[in-house]
Amino acid sequence: MKDHSVKLAILKNLSLGGFHSGEELGEQFGISRAAVSKHIQGIQLWGVDIFRVQGKGYQLAQPLQLLDEAILDQQKRASGLSTPIELIPIIESTNQHLLDKVHQLESGAVCLAEYQSKGRGRRGREWVSPFGSNLYLSMFWRLDAGMAAAMGLSLVVGVAIVEALEQLGVNGVKLKWPNDLYFQDRKLAGILVEMSGQAGGAANLVIGTGMNLQMSPATQGITQPWASLSDVIADSTLESATDFALDRNELAITLINTLKTTLEQYELNGMAGFVERWNRLDNYLGRPIKLIMGPREVVGIARGINEQGAILIETSVEEQQTESKIEAFIGGEISLRSA
């Protein structure tokens, strides 16, 4: 694994605020000013905006709060969590890291990162993962009931994440079936559940989430409208959120704690215990939607989910347009119907 310790140390210094000269940084880390400049260029490739002013040095374009092992450990103990948490600042993929060692892990083990070079979403899509501006979190969970019992798990995880935000006083976040979090019809976070196991045995699940926290509008590679948690907190209607200053360490521990509790509830009660909780948060409930399943499209009104985790769509009966029926669909990709 490539050594990024100097880059991370430089970033830690810059995160303190103000200007830091190349000479100062070079003396601190025992390297030349040219080497400092090269490290700064490498940091910029991670998506961190750093500018340089002649005679002053380097400064971050916007404040950066780093995940901190000591703070995470302190908050973990304060919340009563015993979950192993591994912080790897620079990683290819937090999900893949856990998948590669599922047989060595304790159920509930977590991997956090500041930057993913090969972050991924559903259907093999790239998940853009700039350094330090978002939250990249994966949890390993051993589901003794097997892979068949994992049906609808991404819905349960979505409920857990929104309820964790609500615990922090952040309201207004909704769910898009089957695996996204939305704010004002823009994507805030995504969920990726990957599993392995054998028929008749326990399922090894890796549950990953990437949440936009304060991502720069200049971030490249994202093709759909997106929102950041800072947008949710800044929204004037969310007065209860003003007490929550966007603390990435506190957010991580709250998410881990809520996710662990929610997965335990899911093991006991299955999807039946989550239908009402999910429907309360459905971004499209009662709205026209279009479900795309390969060449097939289903158009209708969203009516929530059922106990199998299927999306319910009210469609018109072709023969009698005045009547309608509600159909359940498990697969597909949902989008709002155009006007």
C-alpha atoms as a PDB file:
ATOM      1  CA  MET A   1       0.000   0.000   0.000  1.00  0.00           C
ATOM      2  CA  LYS A   2       1.351   3.402  -0.992  1.00  0.00           C
ATOM      3  CA  ASP A   3       2.546   5.634   1.854  1.00  0.00           C
ATOM      4  CA  HIS A   4       0.441   8.800   2.045  1.00  0.00           C
ATOM      5  CA  SER A   5       1.637   9.855   5.505  1.00  0.00           C
ATOM      6  CA  VAL A   6       3.350  13.093   4.405  1.00  0.00           C
ATOM      7  CA  LYS A   7       0.364  14.241   2.324  1.00  0.00           C
ATOM      8  CA  LEU A   8      -1.985  13.491   5.222  1.00  0.00           C
ATOM      9  CA  ALA A   9       0.302  15.340   7.663  1.00  0.00           C
ATOM     10  CA  ILE A  10       0.399  18.370   5.361  1.00  0.00           C
ATOM     11  CA  LEU A  11      -3.400  18.270   5.123  1.00  0.00           C
ATOM     12  CA  LYS A  12      -3.703  18.101   8.893  1.00  0.00           C
ATOM     13  CA  ASN A  13      -1.606  21.260   9.157  1.00  0.00           C
ATOM     14  CA  LEU A  14      -3.629  23.041   6.472  1.00  0.00           C
ATOM     15  CA  SER A  15      -6.885  22.028   8.179  1.00  0.00           C
ATOM     16  CA  LEU A  16      -5.854  24.164  11.172  1.00  0.00           C
ATOM     17  CA  GLY A  17      -6.529  27.211   8.987  1.00  0.00           C
ATOM     18  CA  GLY A  18      -4.446  30.108   7.714  1.00  0.00           C
ATOM     19  CA  PHE A  19      -1.463  30.102   5.383  1.00  0.00           C
ATOM     20  CA  HIS A  20       1.425  27.653   5.670  1.00  0.00           C
ATOM     21  CA  SER A  21       4.574  28.352   3.703  1.00  0.00           C
ATOM     22  CA  GLY A  22       6.401  25.712   1.708  1.00  0.00           C
ATOM     23  CA  GLU A  23       9.500  26.434   3.789  1.00  0.00           C
ATOM     24  CA  GLU A  24       7.617  25.913   7.067  1.00  0.00           C
ATOM     25  CA  LEU A  25       6.049  22.649   5.864  1.00  0.00           C
ATOM     26  CA  GLY A  26       9.353  21.442   4.451  1.00  0.00           C
ATOM     27  CA  GLU A  27      11.192  22.052   7.713  1.00  0.00           C
ATOM     28  CA  GLN A  28       8.462  20.338   9.709  1.00  0.00           C
ATOM     29  CA  PHE A  29       8.534  17.161   7.618  1.00  0.00           C
ATOM     30  CA  GLY A  30      12.201  17.148   6.626  1.00  0.00           C
ATOM     31  CA  ILE A  31      11.615  17.617   2.896  1.00  0.00           C
ATOM     32  CA  SER A  32      12.388  20.293   0.297  1.00  0.00           C
ATOM     33  CA  ARG A  33       9.980  23.016  -0.820  1.00  0.00           C
ATOM     34  CA  ALA A  34       9.888  21.302  -4.227  1.00  0.00           C
ATOM     35  CA  ALA A  35       8.793  18.075  -2.512  1.00  0.00           C
ATOM     36  CA  VAL A  36       6.108  20.014  -0.612  1.00  0.00           C
ATOM     37  CA  SER A  37       4.844  21.409  -3.925  1.00  0.00           C
ATOM     38  CA  LYS A  38       4.698  17.893  -5.393  1.00  0.00           C
ATOM     39  CA  HIS A  39       2.755  16.607  -2.378  1.00  0.00           C
ATOM     40  CA  ILE A  40       0.319  19.546  -2.690  1.00  0.00           C
ATOM     41  CA  GLN A  41      -0.296  18.596  -6.329  1.00  0.00           C
ATOM     42  CA  GLY A  42      -1.013  15.010  -5.233  1.00  0.00           C
ATOM     43  CA  ILE A  43      -3.481  16.258  -2.607  1.00  0.00           C
ATOM     44  CA  GLN A  44      -5.256  18.345  -5.240  1.00  0.00           C
ATOM     45  CA  LEU A  45      -5.768  15.180  -7.304  1.00  0.00           C
ATOM     46  CA  TRP A  46      -7.822  13.866  -4.358  1.00  0.00           C
ATOM     47  CA  GLY A  47     -10.277  16.700  -4.962  1.00  0.00           C
ATOM     48  CA  VAL A  48      -9.003  19.090  -2.266  1.00  0.00           C
ATOM     49  CA  ASP A  49      -8.997  22.749  -3.333  1.00  0.00           C
ATOM     50  CA  ILE A  50      -5.725  24.374  -2.197  1.00  0.00           C
ATOM     51  CA  PHE A  51      -4.448  27.733  -3.403  1.00  0.00           C
ATOM     52  CA  ARG A  52      -1.052  29.386  -3.102  1.00  0.00           C
ATOM     53  CA  VAL A  53      -0.282  33.068  -2.560  1.00  0.00           C
ATOM     54  CA  GLN A  54       3.246  34.306  -3.271  1.00  0.00           C
ATOM     55  CA  GLY A  55       4.982  35.249  -0.037  1.00  0.00           C
ATOM     56  CA  LYS A  56       2.309  33.633   2.169  1.00  0.00           C
ATOM     57  CA  GLY A  57       2.154  29.981   1.216  1.00  0.00           C
ATOM     58  CA  TYR A  58      -0.650  27.453   0.905  1.00  0.00           C
ATOM     59  CA  GLN A  59      -4.197  27.605   2.260  1.00  0.00           C
ATOM     60  CA  LEU A  60      -7.324  25.490   1.920  1.00  0.00           C
ATOM     61  CA  ALA A  61     -10.041  27.121  -0.173  1.00  0.00           C
ATOM     62  CA  GLN A  62     -12.600  26.039   2.429  1.00  0.00           C
ATOM     63  CA  PRO A  63     -12.335  24.618   5.980  1.00  0.00           C
ATOM     64  CA  LEU A  64     -11.659  20.901   6.244  1.00  0.00           C
ATOM     65  CA  GLN A  65     -12.540  18.748   9.246  1.00  0.00           C
ATOM     66  CA  LEU A  66     -10.704  15.432   9.245  1.00  0.00           C
ATOM     67  CA  LEU A  67     -11.896  12.163  10.718  1.00  0.00           C
ATOM     68  CA  ASP A  68      -9.843  11.529  13.837  1.00  0.00           C
ATOM     69  CA  GLU A  69      -9.198   8.089  15.371  1.00  0.00           C
ATOM     70  CA  ALA A  70      -8.876   9.489  18.901  1.00  0.00           C
ATOM     71  CA  ILE A  71     -12.152  11.442  18.656  1.00  0.00           C
ATOM     72  CA  LEU A  72     -13.943   8.490  17.061  1.00  0.00           C
ATOM     73  CA  ASP A  73     -12.735   6.203  19.842  1.00  0.00           C
ATOM     74  CA  GLN A  74     -13.779   8.688  22.537  1.00  0.00           C
ATOM     75  CA  GLN A  75     -17.261   9.128  21.050  1.00  0.00           C
ATOM     76  CA  LYS A  76     -17.579   5.383  20.482  1.00  0.00           C
ATOM     77  CA  ARG A  77     -16.911   4.653  24.148  1.00  0.00           C
ATOM     78  CA  ALA A  78     -19.236   7.472  25.252  1.00  0.00           C
ATOM     79  CA  SER A  79     -22.072   5.960  23.189  1.00  0.00           C
ATOM     80  CA  GLY A  80     -21.463   2.442  24.537  1.00  0.00           C
ATOM     81  CA  LEU A  81     -20.405   1.017  21.158  1.00  0.00           C
ATOM     82  CA  SER A  82     -18.029  -1.931  21.064  1.00  0.00           C
ATOM     83  CA  THR A  83     -17.962  -2.094  17.266  1.00  0.00           C
ATOM     84  CA  PRO A  84     -14.448  -2.272  15.743  1.00  0.00           C
ATOM     85  CA  ILE A  85     -13.856   0.849  13.624  1.00  0.00           C
ATOM     86  CA  GLU A  86     -11.004   1.020  11.135  1.00  0.00           C
ATOM     87  CA  LEU A  87     -10.090   4.407   9.663  1.00  0.00           C
ATOM     88  CA  ILE A  88      -8.125   4.160   6.410  1.00  0.00           C
ATOM     89  CA  PRO A  89      -7.833   7.712   5.016  1.00  0.00           C
ATOM     90  CA  ILE A  90      -6.928   6.718   1.436  1.00  0.00           C
ATOM     91  CA  ILE A  91      -8.505   3.537   0.096  1.00  0.00           C
ATOM     92  CA  GLU A  92      -9.749   2.050  -3.166  1.00  0.00           C
ATOM     93  CA  SER A  93     -13.166   1.110  -1.747  1.00  0.00           C
ATOM     94  CA  THR A  94     -14.400   0.703   1.837  1.00  0.00           C
ATOM     95  CA  ASN A  95     -16.825  -1.999   0.672  1.00  0.00           C
ATOM     96  CA  GLN A  96     -14.118  -3.958  -1.122  1.00  0.00           C
ATOM     97  CA  HIS A  97     -11.792  -3.684   1.883  1.00  0.00           C
ATOM     98  CA  LEU A  98     -14.360  -5.457   4.065  1.00  0.00           C
ATOM     99  CA  LEU A  99     -15.372  -7.947   1.356  1.00  0.00           C
ATOM    100  CA  ASP A 100     -11.748  -9.056   1.091  1.00  0.00           C
ATOM    101  CA  LYS A 101     -11.672 -10.159   4.739  1.00  0.00           C
ATOM    102  CA  VAL A 102     -15.241 -11.114   5.714  1.00  0.00           C
ATOM    103  CA  HIS A 103     -14.067 -14.332   7.387  1.00  0.00           C
ATOM    104  CA  GLN A 104     -11.816 -12.403   9.774  1.00  0.00           C
ATOM    105  CA  LEU A 105     -14.347  -9.791  10.837  1.00  0.00           C
ATOM    106  CA  GLU A 106     -16.656  -9.405  13.802  1.00  0.00           C
ATOM    107  CA  SER A 107     -20.242  -8.657  12.821  1.00  0.00           C
ATOM    108  CA  GLY A 108     -20.693  -4.900  12.994  1.00  0.00           C
ATOM    109  CA  ALA A 109     -17.097  -4.066  12.027  1.00  0.00           C
ATOM    110  CA  VAL A 110     -16.782  -0.726  10.226  1.00  0.00           C
ATOM    111  CA  CYS A 111     -14.386   0.825   7.733  1.00  0.00           C
ATOM    112  CA  LEU A 112     -14.239   4.609   7.270  1.00  0.00           C
ATOM    113  CA  ALA A 113     -12.270   6.574   4.686  1.00  0.00           C
ATOM    114  CA  GLU A 114     -11.527  10.144   3.656  1.00  0.00           C
ATOM    115  CA  TYR A 115     -11.065   9.313  -0.042  1.00  0.00           C
ATOM    116  CA  GLN A 116     -11.902   6.385  -2.324  1.00  0.00           C
ATOM    117  CA  SER A 117     -10.007   5.961  -5.584  1.00  0.00           C
ATOM    118  CA  LYS A 118     -12.420   3.262  -6.800  1.00  0.00           C
ATOM    119  CA  GLY A 119     -15.657   4.031  -4.988  1.00  0.00           C
ATOM    120  CA  ARG A 120     -18.653   2.328  -6.543  1.00  0.00           C
ATOM    121  CA  GLY A 121     -22.427   2.466  -6.520  1.00  0.00           C
ATOM    122  CA  ARG A 122     -25.154   0.149  -7.794  1.00  0.00           C
ATOM    123  CA  ARG A 123     -24.743  -1.653 -11.115  1.00  0.00           C
ATOM    124  CA  GLY A 124     -20.985  -1.047 -11.114  1.00  0.00           C
ATOM    125  CA  ARG A 125     -21.277   2.719 -11.459  1.00  0.00           C
ATOM    126  CA  GLU A 126     -18.457   4.913 -10.167  1.00  0.00           C
ATOM    127  CA  TRP A 127     -19.084   6.719  -6.872  1.00  0.00           C
ATOM    128  CA  VAL A 128     -17.209  10.035  -6.980  1.00  0.00           C
ATOM    129  CA  SER A 129     -15.329  10.266  -3.666  1.00  0.00           C
ATOM    130  CA  PRO A 130     -13.375  13.526  -3.173  1.00  0.00           C
ATOM    131  CA  PHE A 131     -11.220  13.796  -0.050  1.00  0.00           C
ATOM    132  CA  GLY A 132     -12.672  14.988   3.233  1.00  0.00           C
ATOM    133  CA  SER A 133     -15.885  16.550   1.918  1.00  0.00           C
ATOM    134  CA  ASN A 134     -18.161  13.517   2.325  1.00  0.00           C
ATOM    135  CA  LEU A 135     -18.593  10.432   4.500  1.00  0.00           C
ATOM    136  CA  TYR A 136     -17.594   6.998   3.177  1.00  0.00           C
ATOM    137  CA  LEU A 137     -18.653   4.230   5.565  1.00  0.00           C
ATOM    138  CA  SER A 138     -19.023   0.464   5.215  1.00  0.00           C
ATOM    139  CA  MET A 139     -20.227  -2.050   7.803  1.00  0.00           C
ATOM    140  CA  PHE A 140     -19.883  -5.827   7.812  1.00  0.00           C
ATOM    141  CA  TRP A 141     -22.900  -7.762   9.073  1.00  0.00           C
ATOM    142  CA  ARG A 142     -23.321 -11.513   9.397  1.00  0.00           C
ATOM    143  CA  LEU A 143     -26.972 -12.421   8.806  1.00  0.00           C
ATOM    144  CA  ASP A 144     -27.529 -15.875  10.296  1.00  0.00           C
ATOM    145  CA  ALA A 145     -30.887 -16.288   8.524  1.00  0.00           C
ATOM    146  CA  GLY A 146     -29.068 -16.420   5.171  1.00  0.00           C
ATOM    147  CA  MET A 147     -29.126 -14.519   1.895  1.00  0.00           C
ATOM    148  CA  ALA A 148     -32.869 -14.944   1.323  1.00  0.00           C
ATOM    149  CA  ALA A 149     -33.491 -12.946   4.516  1.00  0.00           C
ATOM    150  CA  ALA A 150     -31.544  -9.990   3.102  1.00  0.00           C
ATOM    151  CA  MET A 151     -34.390  -9.014   0.764  1.00  0.00           C
ATOM    152  CA  GLY A 152     -35.102  -5.318   1.180  1.00  0.00           C
ATOM    153  CA  LEU A 153     -32.012  -4.680   3.311  1.00  0.00           C
ATOM    154  CA  SER A 154     -31.093  -1.476   1.453  1.00  0.00           C
ATOM    155  CA  LEU A 155     -34.524  -0.095   2.428  1.00  0.00           C
ATOM    156  CA  VAL A 156     -33.839  -0.846   6.094  1.00  0.00           C
ATOM    157  CA  VAL A 157     -30.414   0.799   5.890  1.00  0.00           C
ATOM    158  CA  GLY A 158     -32.000   3.893   4.329  1.00  0.00           C
ATOM    159  CA  VAL A 159     -34.446   4.145   7.228  1.00  0.00           C
ATOM    160  CA  ALA A 160     -31.559   3.817   9.711  1.00  0.00           C
ATOM    161  CA  ILE A 161     -29.557   6.620   8.091  1.00  0.00           C
ATOM    162  CA  VAL A 162     -32.472   9.074   7.930  1.00  0.00           C
ATOM    163  CA  GLU A 163     -33.445   8.295  11.527  1.00  0.00           C
ATOM    164  CA  ALA A 164     -29.817   8.855  12.594  1.00  0.00           C
ATOM    165  CA  LEU A 165     -29.918  12.295  10.956  1.00  0.00           C
ATOM    166  CA  GLU A 166     -33.200  13.022  12.719  1.00  0.00           C
ATOM    167  CA  GLN A 167     -31.547  12.134  16.042  1.00  0.00           C
ATOM    168  CA  LEU A 168     -29.074  14.924  15.298  1.00  0.00           C
ATOM    169  CA  GLY A 169     -31.910  17.353  14.571  1.00  0.00           C
ATOM    170  CA  VAL A 170     -31.533  17.194  10.788  1.00  0.00           C
ATOM    171  CA  ASN A 171     -34.962  16.808   9.180  1.00  0.00           C
ATOM    172  CA  GLY A 172     -36.281  16.927   5.644  1.00  0.00           C
ATOM    173  CA  VAL A 173     -34.267  14.013   4.197  1.00  0.00           C
ATOM    174  CA  LYS A 174     -36.330  11.477   2.228  1.00  0.00           C
ATOM    175  CA  LEU A 175     -35.853   8.017   0.708  1.00  0.00           C
ATOM    176  CA  LYS A 176     -35.901   6.957  -2.927  1.00  0.00           C
ATOM    177  CA  TRP A 177     -36.592   3.282  -3.588  1.00  0.00           C
ATOM    178  CA  PRO A 178     -34.543   1.176  -3.331  1.00  0.00           C
ATOM    179  CA  ASN A 179     -31.265   2.671  -2.133  1.00  0.00           C
ATOM    180  CA  ASP A 180     -30.923   6.463  -2.185  1.00  0.00           C
ATOM    181  CA  LEU A 181     -31.428   9.389   0.192  1.00  0.00           C
ATOM    182  CA  TYR A 182     -32.847  12.580  -1.286  1.00  0.00           C
ATOM    183  CA  PHE A 183     -33.246  16.190  -0.256  1.00  0.00           C
ATOM    184  CA  GLN A 184     -35.579  18.363  -2.327  1.00  0.00           C
ATOM    185  CA  ASP A 185     -35.455  15.860  -5.201  1.00  0.00           C
ATOM    186  CA  ARG A 186     -31.641  15.835  -5.272  1.00  0.00           C
ATOM    187  CA  LYS A 187     -29.443  12.906  -4.295  1.00  0.00           C
ATOM    188  CA  LEU A 188     -27.844  13.231  -0.859  1.00  0.00           C
ATOM    189  CA  ALA A 189     -26.511   9.701  -0.295  1.00  0.00           C
ATOM    190  CA  GLY A 190     -26.420   6.241  -1.819  1.00  0.00           C
ATOM    191  CA  ILE A 191     -26.434   2.747  -0.337  1.00  0.00           C
ATOM    192  CA  LEU A 192     -24.704  -0.331  -1.739  1.00  0.00           C
ATOM    193  CA  VAL A 193     -25.317  -3.751  -0.142  1.00  0.00           C
ATOM    194  CA  GLU A 194     -23.030  -6.563  -1.332  1.00  0.00           C
ATOM    195  CA  MET A 195     -23.209 -10.123  -0.040  1.00  0.00           C
ATOM    196  CA  SER A 196     -21.614 -13.526  -0.183  1.00  0.00           C
ATOM    197  CA  GLY A 197     -22.447 -16.892   1.339  1.00  0.00           C
ATOM    198  CA  GLN A 198     -23.734 -20.361   0.557  1.00  0.00           C
ATOM    199  CA  ALA A 199     -27.246 -21.769   0.469  1.00  0.00           C
ATOM    200  CA  GLY A 200     -28.276 -22.876   3.936  1.00  0.00           C
ATOM    201  CA  GLY A 201     -25.549 -20.822   5.616  1.00  0.00           C
ATOM    202  CA  ALA A 202     -25.177 -17.336   7.037  1.00  0.00           C
ATOM    203  CA  ALA A 203     -24.966 -14.393   4.652  1.00  0.00           C
ATOM    204  CA  ASN A 204     -21.917 -12.143   4.812  1.00  0.00           C
ATOM    205  CA  LEU A 205     -23.148  -8.627   4.077  1.00  0.00           C
ATOM    206  CA  VAL A 206     -21.141  -5.492   3.434  1.00  0.00           C
ATOM    207  CA  ILE A 207     -23.302  -2.386   3.678  1.00  0.00           C
ATOM    208  CA  GLY A 208     -21.757   0.750   2.224  1.00  0.00           C
ATOM    209  CA  THR A 209     -22.966   4.328   2.187  1.00  0.00           C
ATOM    210  CA  GLY A 210     -21.553   7.475   0.693  1.00  0.00           C
ATOM    211  CA  MET A 211     -23.096  10.737   1.905  1.00  0.00           C
ATOM    212  CA  ASN A 212     -22.424  14.182   0.459  1.00  0.00           C
ATOM    213  CA  LEU A 213     -21.571  16.503   3.351  1.00  0.00           C
ATOM    214  CA  GLN A 214     -20.143  19.707   1.926  1.00  0.00           C
ATOM    215  CA  MET A 215     -19.032  18.801  -1.553  1.00  0.00           C
ATOM    216  CA  SER A 216     -17.763  21.574  -3.816  1.00  0.00           C
ATOM    217  CA  PRO A 217     -20.128  22.621  -6.651  1.00  0.00           C
ATOM    218  CA  ALA A 218     -17.092  22.254  -8.932  1.00  0.00           C
ATOM    219  CA  THR A 219     -16.844  18.488  -8.280  1.00  0.00           C
ATOM    220  CA  GLN A 220     -16.580  16.666 -11.592  1.00  0.00           C
ATOM    221  CA  GLY A 221     -18.048  13.321 -12.659  1.00  0.00           C
ATOM    222  CA  ILE A 222     -21.555  13.509 -11.145  1.00  0.00           C
ATOM    223  CA  THR A 223     -24.290  13.382 -13.765  1.00  0.00           C
ATOM    224  CA  GLN A 224     -27.434  13.922 -11.664  1.00  0.00           C
ATOM    225  CA  PRO A 225     -28.624  16.754  -9.388  1.00  0.00           C
ATOM    226  CA  TRP A 226     -27.148  16.322  -5.922  1.00  0.00           C
ATOM    227  CA  ALA A 227     -27.383  17.926  -2.499  1.00  0.00           C
ATOM    228  CA  SER A 228     -25.017  18.091   0.470  1.00  0.00           C
ATOM    229  CA  LEU A 229     -25.893  17.729   4.145  1.00  0.00           C
ATOM    230  CA  SER A 230     -24.731  21.316   4.580  1.00  0.00           C
ATOM    231  CA  ASP A 231     -27.630  22.287   2.245  1.00  0.00           C
ATOM    232  CA  VAL A 232     -30.095  20.462   4.496  1.00  0.00           C
ATOM    233  CA  ILE A 233     -28.761  22.128   7.631  1.00  0.00           C
ATOM    234  CA  ALA A 234     -28.715  25.561   5.986  1.00  0.00           C
ATOM    235  CA  ASP A 235     -32.316  25.248   4.789  1.00  0.00           C
ATOM    236  CA  SER A 236     -34.304  27.944   6.554  1.00  0.00           C
ATOM    237  CA  THR A 237     -37.196  25.592   7.330  1.00  0.00           C
ATOM    238  CA  LEU A 238     -35.012  23.278   9.381  1.00  0.00           C
ATOM    239  CA  GLU A 239     -34.760  25.310  12.562  1.00  0.00           C
ATOM    240  CA  SER A 240     -34.115  22.199  14.671  1.00  0.00           C
ATOM    241  CA  ALA A 241     -30.907  21.535  12.729  1.00  0.00           C
ATOM    242  CA  THR A 242     -29.184  24.715  13.877  1.00  0.00           C
ATOM    243  CA  ASP A 243     -27.780  22.972  16.960  1.00  0.00           C
ATOM    244  CA  PHE A 244     -25.918  20.439  14.809  1.00  0.00           C
ATOM    245  CA  ALA A 245     -22.677  21.855  13.449  1.00  0.00           C
ATOM    246  CA  LEU A 246     -21.563  19.436  10.754  1.00  0.00           C
ATOM    247  CA  ASP A 247     -19.186  17.251  12.809  1.00  0.00           C
ATOM    248  CA  ARG A 248     -18.058  14.331  10.658  1.00  0.00           C
ATOM    249  CA  ASN A 249     -16.835  12.283  13.637  1.00  0.00           C
ATOM    250  CA  GLU A 250     -20.115  12.693  15.546  1.00  0.00           C
ATOM    251  CA  LEU A 251     -22.085  11.903  12.397  1.00  0.00           C
ATOM    252  CA  ALA A 252     -20.083   8.718  11.771  1.00  0.00           C
ATOM    253  CA  ILE A 253     -20.611   7.394  15.303  1.00  0.00           C
ATOM    254  CA  THR A 254     -24.328   8.247  15.249  1.00  0.00           C
ATOM    255  CA  LEU A 255     -24.750   6.450  11.910  1.00  0.00           C
ATOM    256  CA  ILE A 256     -22.842   3.382  13.118  1.00  0.00           C
ATOM    257  CA  ASN A 257     -24.816   3.194  16.352  1.00  0.00           C
ATOM    258  CA  THR A 258     -28.203   3.597  14.645  1.00  0.00           C
ATOM    259  CA  LEU A 259     -27.330   1.188  11.831  1.00  0.00           C
ATOM    260  CA  LYS A 260     -26.251  -1.506  14.298  1.00  0.00           C
ATOM    261  CA  THR A 261     -29.464  -1.127  16.351  1.00  0.00           C
ATOM    262  CA  THR A 262     -31.628  -1.123  13.217  1.00  0.00           C
ATOM    263  CA  LEU A 263     -30.010  -4.275  11.797  1.00  0.00           C
ATOM    264  CA  GLU A 264     -30.638  -6.032  15.119  1.00  0.00           C
ATOM    265  CA  GLN A 265     -34.308  -5.005  14.876  1.00  0.00           C
ATOM    266  CA  TYR A 266     -34.431  -6.279  11.289  1.00  0.00           C
ATOM    267  CA  GLU A 267     -33.072  -9.674  12.358  1.00  0.00           C
ATOM    268  CA  LEU A 268     -35.863  -9.958  14.939  1.00  0.00           C
ATOM    269  CA  ASN A 269     -38.826  -8.555  12.986  1.00  0.00           C
ATOM    270  CA  GLY A 270     -37.931  -8.658   9.270  1.00  0.00           C
ATOM    271  CA  MET A 271     -39.324  -6.122   6.788  1.00  0.00           C
ATOM    272  CA  ALA A 272     -42.724  -6.057   8.519  1.00  0.00           C
ATOM    273  CA  GLY A 273     -41.325  -3.732  11.168  1.00  0.00           C
ATOM    274  CA  PHE A 274     -40.096  -1.227   8.572  1.00  0.00           C
ATOM    275  CA  VAL A 275     -42.912  -0.725   6.066  1.00  0.00           C
ATOM    276  CA  GLU A 276     -44.522   2.155   7.956  1.00  0.00           C
ATOM    277  CA  ARG A 277     -41.144   3.674   8.848  1.00  0.00           C
ATOM    278  CA  TRP A 278     -40.057   3.618   5.198  1.00  0.00           C
ATOM    279  CA  ASN A 279     -43.350   4.923   3.805  1.00  0.00           C
ATOM    280  CA  ARG A 280     -43.168   7.901   6.184  1.00  0.00           C
ATOM    281  CA  LEU A 281     -39.951   8.916   4.439  1.00  0.00           C
ATOM    282  CA  ASP A 282     -40.871   8.023   0.840  1.00  0.00           C
ATOM    283  CA  ASN A 283     -39.773  10.913  -1.394  1.00  0.00           C
ATOM    284  CA  TYR A 284     -42.273   9.966  -4.105  1.00  0.00           C
ATOM    285  CA  LEU A 285     -45.300   8.839  -2.086  1.00  0.00           C
ATOM    286  CA  GLY A 286     -48.455   9.931  -3.932  1.00  0.00           C
ATOM    287  CA  ARG A 287     -46.444  11.332  -6.840  1.00  0.00           C
ATOM    288  CA  PRO A 288     -46.285  10.245 -10.497  1.00  0.00           C
ATOM    289  CA  ILE A 289     -43.289   7.995 -11.144  1.00  0.00           C
ATOM    290  CA  LYS A 290     -41.813   5.911 -13.904  1.00  0.00           C
ATOM    291  CA  LEU A 291     -40.255   2.525 -13.106  1.00  0.00           C
ATOM    292  CA  ILE A 292     -37.712   1.397 -15.692  1.00  0.00           C
ATOM    293  CA  MET A 293     -36.985  -2.332 -15.974  1.00  0.00           C
ATOM    294  CA  GLY A 294     -34.820  -2.908 -19.014  1.00  0.00           C
ATOM    295  CA  PRO A 295     -36.990  -2.227 -22.082  1.00  0.00           C
ATOM    296  CA  ARG A 296     -40.164  -2.072 -19.963  1.00  0.00           C
ATOM    297  CA  GLU A 297     -41.518   1.056 -18.325  1.00  0.00           C
ATOM    298  CA  VAL A 298     -44.312   1.236 -15.754  1.00  0.00           C
ATOM    299  CA  VAL A 299     -45.957   4.601 -15.154  1.00  0.00           C
ATOM    300  CA  GLY A 300     -48.216   5.332 -12.206  1.00  0.00           C
ATOM    301  CA  ILE A 301     -48.539   6.806  -8.734  1.00  0.00           C
ATOM    302  CA  ALA A 302     -46.111   5.732  -5.956  1.00  0.00           C
ATOM    303  CA  ARG A 303     -47.925   4.021  -3.065  1.00  0.00           C
ATOM    304  CA  GLY A 304     -44.998   3.089  -0.827  1.00  0.00           C
ATOM    305  CA  ILE A 305     -43.618  -0.421  -0.248  1.00  0.00           C
ATOM    306  CA  ASN A 306     -44.960  -3.760   1.013  1.00  0.00           C
ATOM    307  CA  GLU A 307     -43.551  -6.302   3.490  1.00  0.00           C
ATOM    308  CA  GLN A 308     -41.376  -7.864   0.776  1.00  0.00           C
ATOM    309  CA  GLY A 309     -39.696  -4.538   0.103  1.00  0.00           C
ATOM    310  CA  ALA A 310     -41.393  -4.221  -3.303  1.00  0.00           C
ATOM    311  CA  ILE A 311     -42.455  -0.819  -4.571  1.00  0.00           C
ATOM    312  CA  LEU A 312     -46.204  -0.364  -4.988  1.00  0.00           C
ATOM    313  CA  ILE A 313     -47.425   1.516  -8.053  1.00  0.00           C
ATOM    314  CA  GLU A 314     -50.998   2.452  -8.787  1.00  0.00           C
ATOM    315  CA  THR A 315     -51.545   2.035 -12.519  1.00  0.00           C
ATOM    316  CA  SER A 316     -54.554   2.613 -14.741  1.00  0.00           C
ATOM    317  CA  VAL A 317     -56.357  -0.396 -16.205  1.00  0.00           C
ATOM    318  CA  GLU A 318     -56.088   0.046 -19.972  1.00  0.00           C
ATOM    319  CA  GLU A 319     -59.591  -1.218 -20.758  1.00  0.00           C
ATOM    320  CA  GLN A 320     -61.295   1.105 -18.260  1.00  0.00           C
ATOM    321  CA  GLN A 321     -59.287   4.251 -17.672  1.00  0.00           C
ATOM    322  CA  THR A 322     -61.506   5.203 -14.756  1.00  0.00           C
ATOM    323  CA  GLU A 323     -60.280   2.221 -12.752  1.00  0.00           C
ATOM    324  CA  SER A 324     -56.851   1.512 -11.378  1.00  0.00           C
ATOM    325  CA  LYS A 325     -54.908  -1.252  -9.686  1.00  0.00           C
ATOM    326  CA  ILE A 326     -51.889  -1.415  -7.394  1.00  0.00           C
ATOM    327  CA  GLU A 327     -48.994  -3.588  -8.554  1.00  0.00           C
ATOM    328  CA  ALA A 328     -45.833  -4.606  -6.684  1.00  0.00           C
ATOM    329  CA  PHE A 329     -42.392  -4.533  -8.321  1.00  0.00           C
ATOM    330  CA  ILE A 330     -39.111  -5.806  -6.892  1.00  0.00           C
ATOM    331  CA  GLY A 331     -36.595  -4.829  -9.563  1.00  0.00           C
ATOM    332  CA  GLY A 332     -36.001  -1.731 -11.603  1.00  0.00           C
ATOM    333  CA  GLU A 333     -34.738   1.788 -11.469  1.00  0.00           C
ATOM    334  CA  ILE A 334     -37.128   4.519 -10.419  1.00  0.00           C
ATOM    335  CA  SER A 335     -37.369   8.047 -11.780  1.00  0.00           C
ATOM    336  CA  LEU A 336     -39.962  10.813 -11.677  1.00  0.00           C
ATOM    337  CA  ARG A 337     -42.234  10.839 -14.680  1.00  0.00           C
ATOM    338  CA  SER A 338     -41.693  13.848 -16.910  1.00  0.00           C
ATOM    339  CA  ALA A 339     -44.540  16.346 -17.157  1.00  0.00           C
END
